[in-house]
Amino acid sequence: MAIKVVAKNRKAYFEYFLLEHFEAGISLLGSEIKSIRAGQVSLSESYIRIDGGKEAWLVNAHIAPYELANRFNHDPLRERRLLLNKREIKTLWDAVRQKGVTVIPVQMYLKDGLAKVEIASAKGKKLYDKRDAIAKREAERETSRREKVR
């Protein structure tokens, strides 16, 4: 299975505690898959909307218009349907109804030629949690610098 990561949502790891991960397919137009293969995707401001436990949608994911598809191009910020099992959608719907839990895309990748999105239910971090993450990261950088010098 050849997996090529196209886009990562780096803010997701910093802003949220990721609870449960799922892999979802995406319903795309022809020019969108070409843009994804070219790596012209941004997940930074996107999130997942679940309609009453029936369907899941990827909202605000920016897939740049494909230059060579001039007339038949797509809207870069359109909502895209996610392809999940009923059981997975039900699990996500139950998680969203809890206080402070949301569903966000973590990364988009190509798996065997198909575009997939890794999504996760997430709980927002408080400011002090973010400070702890920054302090740990700085400590790791400092130790790696010391090891490089030796």
Protein backbone atom coordinates (compact mmCIF):
# COMPACT_ATOMS: atom_id res chain seq x y z
CA MET A 1 0.00 0.00 0.00
CA ALA A 2 1.65 3.17 -1.22
CA ILE A 3 0.70 6.18 0.92
CA LYS A 4 1.68 9.71 -0.08
CA VAL A 5 0.80 12.42 2.46
CA VAL A 6 -0.49 15.47 0.58
CA ALA A 7 -1.46 17.82 3.42
CA LYS A 8 -1.23 17.86 7.22
CA ASN A 9 -3.17 19.95 9.69
CA ARG A 10 -0.30 20.91 12.01
CA LYS A 11 -2.48 23.15 14.14
CA ALA A 12 -4.63 20.15 15.04
CA TYR A 13 -1.92 18.60 17.21
CA PHE A 14 -1.22 21.90 18.96
CA GLU A 15 -4.79 23.14 19.47
CA TYR A 16 -6.56 19.84 20.33
CA PHE A 17 -6.25 16.56 22.19
CA LEU A 18 -6.97 13.98 19.48
CA LEU A 19 -9.17 11.21 20.83
CA GLU A 20 -10.25 8.72 18.13
CA HIS A 21 -8.99 8.50 14.53
CA PHE A 22 -10.90 7.43 11.41
CA GLU A 23 -10.02 7.06 7.72
CA ALA A 24 -12.56 8.51 5.29
CA GLY A 25 -12.79 8.65 1.53
CA ILE A 26 -13.81 11.90 -0.18
CA SER A 27 -16.36 12.48 -2.92
CA LEU A 28 -14.44 14.65 -5.43
CA LEU A 29 -14.74 16.18 -8.88
CA GLY A 30 -12.20 15.40 -11.61
CA SER A 31 -10.28 18.65 -11.33
CA GLU A 32 -10.11 18.32 -7.53
CA ILE A 33 -8.27 14.99 -7.57
CA LYS A 34 -5.76 16.46 -10.02
CA SER A 35 -5.11 19.38 -7.66
CA ILE A 36 -4.75 16.98 -4.73
CA ARG A 37 -2.20 14.90 -6.64
CA ALA A 38 -0.31 18.14 -7.31
CA GLY A 39 -0.30 18.83 -3.56
CA GLN A 40 -2.38 22.02 -3.69
CA VAL A 41 -4.42 21.39 -0.53
CA SER A 42 -4.81 23.25 2.76
CA LEU A 43 -6.57 21.81 5.81
CA SER A 44 -5.66 24.56 8.27
CA GLU A 45 -9.12 26.12 8.78
CA SER A 46 -11.22 23.07 7.95
CA TYR A 47 -13.52 20.96 10.10
CA ILE A 48 -16.03 18.13 9.77
CA ARG A 49 -19.79 18.75 9.95
CA ILE A 50 -22.10 15.84 10.69
CA ASP A 51 -25.73 16.19 9.60
CA GLY A 52 -27.88 14.51 12.22
CA GLY A 53 -25.92 11.27 12.23
CA LYS A 54 -26.61 10.69 8.51
CA GLU A 55 -23.75 12.26 6.51
CA ALA A 56 -20.35 13.77 7.19
CA TRP A 57 -19.01 16.78 5.27
CA LEU A 58 -15.53 18.28 4.96
CA VAL A 59 -16.01 22.04 5.33
CA ASN A 60 -13.53 24.87 4.50
CA ALA A 61 -10.82 22.60 3.08
CA HIS A 62 -9.09 24.58 0.34
CA ILE A 63 -8.29 22.59 -2.80
CA ALA A 64 -6.80 25.00 -5.33
CA PRO A 65 -8.37 25.18 -8.80
CA TYR A 66 -6.56 23.07 -11.39
CA GLU A 67 -5.01 25.41 -13.97
CA LEU A 68 -5.56 23.14 -16.97
CA ALA A 69 -9.29 22.60 -16.27
CA ASN A 70 -10.21 26.20 -17.09
CA ARG A 71 -13.94 25.97 -17.89
CA PHE A 72 -14.89 23.01 -15.77
CA ASN A 73 -13.06 24.02 -12.61
CA HIS A 74 -14.41 23.58 -9.09
CA ASP A 75 -15.09 25.98 -6.23
CA PRO A 76 -11.98 25.77 -3.98
CA LEU A 77 -13.92 25.94 -0.69
CA ARG A 78 -16.96 23.82 -1.53
CA GLU A 79 -18.20 21.26 0.99
CA ARG A 80 -17.13 17.71 0.16
CA ARG A 81 -18.97 14.59 1.30
CA LEU A 82 -16.97 12.09 3.34
CA LEU A 83 -17.42 8.40 2.71
CA LEU A 84 -17.80 6.62 6.05
CA ASN A 85 -19.75 3.64 7.39
CA LYS A 86 -23.01 4.28 9.24
CA ARG A 87 -21.37 2.93 12.38
CA GLU A 88 -18.46 5.39 12.08
CA ILE A 89 -20.80 8.33 11.45
CA LYS A 90 -22.88 7.30 14.47
CA THR A 91 -19.74 7.14 16.64
CA LEU A 92 -18.67 10.61 15.49
CA TRP A 93 -22.20 12.00 15.96
CA ASP A 94 -22.27 10.70 19.54
CA ALA A 95 -18.85 12.26 20.20
CA VAL A 96 -19.88 15.66 18.80
CA ARG A 97 -22.92 15.85 21.06
CA GLN A 98 -20.61 15.79 24.09
CA LYS A 99 -19.49 19.15 25.44
CA GLY A 100 -16.28 20.50 23.92
CA VAL A 101 -15.74 17.72 21.36
CA THR A 102 -15.40 18.45 17.65
CA VAL A 103 -14.29 16.51 14.59
CA ILE A 104 -11.33 17.80 12.58
CA PRO A 105 -9.27 16.58 9.62
CA VAL A 106 -5.73 15.62 10.61
CA GLN A 107 -4.19 14.82 7.23
CA MET A 108 -5.04 14.14 3.61
CA TYR A 109 -3.19 11.47 1.66
CA LEU A 110 -3.30 9.33 -1.45
CA LYS A 111 -3.66 5.60 -0.76
CA ASP A 112 -3.54 3.30 -3.79
CA GLY A 113 -4.50 6.23 -6.04
CA LEU A 114 -7.52 7.28 -3.94
CA ALA A 115 -7.73 10.45 -1.86
CA LYS A 116 -8.34 9.75 1.83
CA VAL A 117 -8.69 12.00 4.88
CA GLU A 118 -7.68 11.02 8.38
CA ILE A 119 -10.17 12.60 10.75
CA ALA A 120 -10.23 12.62 14.54
CA SER A 121 -12.62 13.53 17.29
CA ALA A 122 -10.87 16.21 19.31
CA LYS A 123 -11.20 18.16 22.52
CA GLY A 124 -9.81 21.70 22.65
CA LYS A 125 -6.71 22.43 24.72
CA LYS A 126 -6.62 25.16 27.31
CA LEU A 127 -3.89 27.81 27.27
CA TYR A 128 -1.86 26.08 29.99
CA ASP A 129 -1.93 22.83 28.00
CA LYS A 130 -0.49 24.66 24.99
CA ARG A 131 2.24 26.16 27.19
CA ASP A 132 3.17 22.67 28.41
CA ALA A 133 3.41 21.47 24.79
CA ILE A 134 5.69 24.40 23.92
CA ALA A 135 7.90 23.75 26.97
CA LYS A 136 8.25 20.04 26.10
CA ARG A 137 9.12 20.85 22.51
CA GLU A 138 11.76 23.37 23.58
CA ALA A 139 13.29 20.85 26.02
CA GLU A 140 13.48 18.22 23.26
CA ARG A 141 15.18 20.70 20.93
CA GLU A 142 17.68 21.61 23.61
CA THR A 143 18.59 17.99 24.31
CA SER A 144 18.98 17.24 20.60
CA ARG A 145 21.27 20.26 20.23
CA ARG A 146 23.41 19.04 23.12
CA GLU A 147 23.65 15.56 21.60
CA LYS A 148 24.71 16.99 18.23
CA VAL A 149 27.53 18.98 19.87
CA ARG A 150 28.97 15.89 21.56
